Protein backbone atom coordinates (compact mmCIF):
# COMPACT_ATOMS: atom_id res chain seq x y z
CA MET A 1 -54.27 26.46 -11.10
CA ALA A 2 -51.44 28.69 -10.20
CA ASN A 3 -47.81 27.70 -10.58
CA HIS A 4 -45.72 27.93 -7.43
CA SER A 5 -42.21 28.86 -8.44
CA SER A 6 -40.92 28.50 -4.87
CA ALA A 7 -41.48 24.74 -4.91
CA THR A 8 -38.30 22.71 -5.35
CA VAL A 9 -37.78 19.11 -6.32
CA ARG A 10 -36.27 17.08 -3.53
CA GLU A 11 -34.11 14.02 -4.14
CA THR A 12 -35.20 10.98 -2.29
CA PRO A 13 -32.74 8.96 -0.21
CA HIS A 14 -33.46 5.95 -2.42
CA ALA A 15 -32.26 7.83 -5.51
CA ASN A 16 -29.05 8.82 -3.71
CA GLN A 17 -28.42 5.22 -2.64
CA THR A 18 -28.98 3.95 -6.19
CA LEU A 19 -26.57 6.55 -7.56
CA ARG A 20 -23.89 5.58 -5.01
CA THR A 21 -24.38 1.89 -5.78
CA ASN A 22 -24.04 2.51 -9.52
CA ILE A 23 -20.85 4.51 -8.98
CA ILE A 24 -19.36 1.69 -6.88
CA VAL A 25 -20.38 -1.00 -9.38
CA ASN A 26 -18.93 0.99 -12.27
CA ALA A 27 -15.66 1.53 -10.39
CA LEU A 28 -15.46 -2.19 -9.62
CA LYS A 29 -16.05 -3.05 -13.28
CA GLN A 30 -13.28 -0.63 -14.30
CA ARG A 31 -10.88 -2.24 -11.80
CA ALA A 32 -11.84 -5.69 -13.07
CA GLN A 33 -11.23 -4.61 -16.65
CA ALA A 34 -7.80 -3.27 -15.66
CA VAL A 35 -6.99 -6.65 -14.09
CA LEU A 36 -8.10 -8.42 -17.28
CA ASN A 37 -5.74 -6.22 -19.31
CA ASP A 38 -2.81 -6.80 -16.93
CA ARG A 39 -0.70 -9.56 -18.53
CA SER A 40 1.37 -9.99 -15.35
CA ILE A 41 -1.63 -11.72 -13.72
CA ASP A 42 -1.87 -15.44 -14.50
CA PRO A 43 -4.32 -16.44 -17.27
CA GLN A 44 -6.42 -18.70 -15.00
CA SER A 45 -7.07 -15.90 -12.54
CA ARG A 46 -7.95 -13.52 -15.37
CA ALA A 47 -10.36 -16.10 -16.81
CA ILE A 48 -12.12 -16.47 -13.47
CA ILE A 49 -12.36 -12.70 -13.07
CA ARG A 50 -13.66 -12.36 -16.65
CA TYR A 51 -16.38 -14.91 -15.89
CA ALA A 52 -17.24 -13.21 -12.60
CA LEU A 53 -17.49 -9.89 -14.41
CA GLU A 54 -19.73 -11.31 -17.13
CA THR A 55 -22.06 -12.99 -14.64
CA ASN A 56 -22.10 -10.15 -12.07
CA ASP A 57 -20.77 -12.58 -9.47
CA PRO A 58 -20.92 -11.22 -5.90
CA CYS A 59 -17.33 -12.46 -5.38
CA LEU A 60 -15.99 -10.13 -8.08
CA ALA A 61 -14.81 -7.48 -5.60
CA GLU A 62 -12.83 -10.05 -3.57
CA LEU A 63 -11.34 -11.62 -6.70
CA VAL A 64 -10.23 -8.23 -8.02
CA ARG A 65 -8.80 -7.30 -4.62
CA ARG A 66 -6.75 -10.47 -4.53
CA ALA A 67 -5.47 -10.00 -8.07
CA ASP A 68 -4.60 -6.33 -7.37
CA ALA A 69 -2.67 -7.44 -4.26
CA GLY A 70 -0.69 -9.96 -6.29
CA GLU A 71 -2.36 -12.96 -4.65
CA THR A 72 -3.42 -15.96 -6.68
CA VAL A 73 -7.14 -16.40 -7.06
CA ILE A 74 -7.10 -20.20 -7.29
CA ASP A 75 -5.04 -22.84 -5.52
CA SER A 76 -2.92 -25.56 -7.09
CA ALA A 77 -5.89 -27.94 -7.31
CA GLY A 78 -7.93 -25.41 -9.29
CA PHE A 79 -10.30 -24.36 -6.49
CA LEU A 80 -10.95 -20.79 -5.45
CA LYS A 81 -8.69 -20.02 -2.53
CA THR A 82 -10.25 -20.01 0.90
CA SER A 83 -8.66 -19.59 4.27
CA SER A 84 -7.10 -22.73 5.72
CA THR A 85 -9.19 -22.22 8.86
CA ASP A 86 -12.38 -22.43 6.79
CA GLU A 87 -11.09 -25.49 4.94
CA GLU A 88 -10.25 -27.27 8.18
CA LYS A 89 -13.63 -26.36 9.68
CA ILE A 90 -15.51 -27.56 6.58
CA ALA A 91 -13.53 -30.82 6.51
CA ALA A 92 -14.21 -31.49 10.20
CA LEU A 93 -17.94 -30.75 9.83
CA ALA A 94 -18.24 -32.93 6.71
CA GLU A 95 -16.52 -35.74 8.60
CA MET A 96 -18.96 -35.40 11.51
CA ILE A 97 -21.97 -35.40 9.19
CA CYS A 98 -20.80 -38.32 7.03
CA ARG A 99 -19.29 -40.66 9.60
CA ALA A 100 -20.87 -44.00 10.32
CA GLY A 101 -23.05 -44.36 13.36
CA ASP A 102 -26.36 -43.16 14.64
CA GLU A 103 -25.49 -39.81 16.21
CA ALA A 104 -28.45 -37.71 15.11
CA GLY A 105 -27.76 -34.92 17.60
CA THR A 106 -24.11 -34.51 16.62
CA LYS A 107 -24.85 -34.77 12.91
CA SER A 108 -27.68 -32.24 13.14
CA ALA A 109 -25.53 -29.80 15.08
CA ALA A 110 -22.66 -30.20 12.60
CA LEU A 111 -25.06 -29.57 9.71
CA LEU A 112 -26.41 -26.45 11.42
CA VAL A 113 -22.87 -25.13 12.01
CA LEU A 114 -21.95 -25.92 8.39
CA MET A 115 -24.96 -24.00 7.09
CA SER A 116 -24.15 -21.05 9.34
CA THR A 117 -20.51 -21.10 8.22
CA LEU A 118 -21.56 -21.04 4.58
CA GLU A 119 -24.11 -18.29 5.19
CA ASN A 120 -21.59 -16.03 6.90
CA ALA A 121 -18.64 -16.75 4.59
CA SER A 122 -17.24 -14.15 2.22
CA HIS A 123 -17.17 -16.84 -0.51
CA PRO A 124 -20.10 -19.15 0.25
CA LYS A 125 -20.12 -20.81 -3.19
CA ALA A 126 -16.45 -21.75 -2.96
CA LEU A 127 -16.92 -23.16 0.54
CA ALA A 128 -20.10 -25.01 -0.49
CA ASN A 129 -18.16 -26.65 -3.32
CA LEU A 130 -15.43 -27.57 -0.87
CA ALA A 131 -18.01 -29.07 1.51
CA LYS A 132 -19.49 -31.09 -1.37
CA HIS A 133 -16.02 -32.31 -2.29
CA PHE A 134 -15.32 -33.48 1.26
CA ALA A 135 -18.76 -35.06 1.64
CA PHE A 136 -18.58 -36.91 -1.68
CA THR A 137 -15.09 -38.14 -0.90
CA ARG A 138 -16.12 -39.37 2.54
CA CYS A 139 -19.37 -40.90 1.29
CA GLY A 140 -17.44 -42.58 -1.51
CA GLU A 141 -15.19 -44.19 1.10
CA LEU A 142 -18.23 -45.46 2.99
CA ASN A 143 -20.11 -46.62 -0.09
CA LEU A 144 -19.33 -50.30 -0.17
CA ASN A 145 -21.07 -52.20 -3.01
CA GLY A 146 -23.49 -49.36 -3.81
CA ILE A 147 -25.18 -49.36 -0.41
CA LEU A 148 -25.24 -45.56 -0.20
CA GLU A 149 -27.02 -45.06 -3.53
CA THR A 150 -29.68 -47.56 -2.50
CA GLN A 151 -30.22 -45.83 0.84
CA ILE A 152 -30.42 -42.38 -0.79
CA ALA A 153 -32.98 -43.63 -3.31
CA ILE A 154 -35.13 -45.06 -0.51
CA LEU A 155 -34.89 -41.86 1.57
CA GLU A 156 -35.67 -39.67 -1.41
CA SER A 157 -38.69 -41.80 -2.26
CA GLU A 158 -39.97 -41.57 1.31
CA LEU A 159 -39.41 -37.82 1.51
CA PHE A 160 -41.30 -37.01 -1.67
CA THR A 161 -44.20 -39.36 -1.01
CA ASP A 162 -44.77 -37.93 2.48
CA ASN A 163 -47.84 -35.67 2.23
CA THR A 164 -46.48 -33.28 4.87
CA LEU A 165 -43.52 -32.32 2.69
CA VAL A 166 -45.43 -31.90 -0.56
CA SER A 167 -47.93 -29.10 -0.03
């Protein structure tokens, strides 16, 4: 076999994309480390950013941006900050889903909108926790004498014994 010296090695687009991604991730980690070393940022925010950095949390970029801008990362209740519009929307949807009455259409639509809101949010985990908080609070208000736990146990039993759901 003859060697062809005119042949060149071409870089693939995938290799270029991986290189760009690594550069961005490394820059983000450096910014996060700078925030962790900045004693003017409150200790709670630095702890959250440290955890996000250690766990490669997808919210790290937003948390670092907020800290760099001088914004607080968490609110007074200890939750990650979200926009008040999102909070109001989540609260209204949780209320629609949890309210008493047999409104299957409304409840289903509210659940679909809630899932879409969470899917498209910049901080879906924070909003999901907020939705759980609202739902548990509302369900706790409705749970007179343990009725809710009994109903959930019955529904769960029926769901998991149904052959169509267990394949």
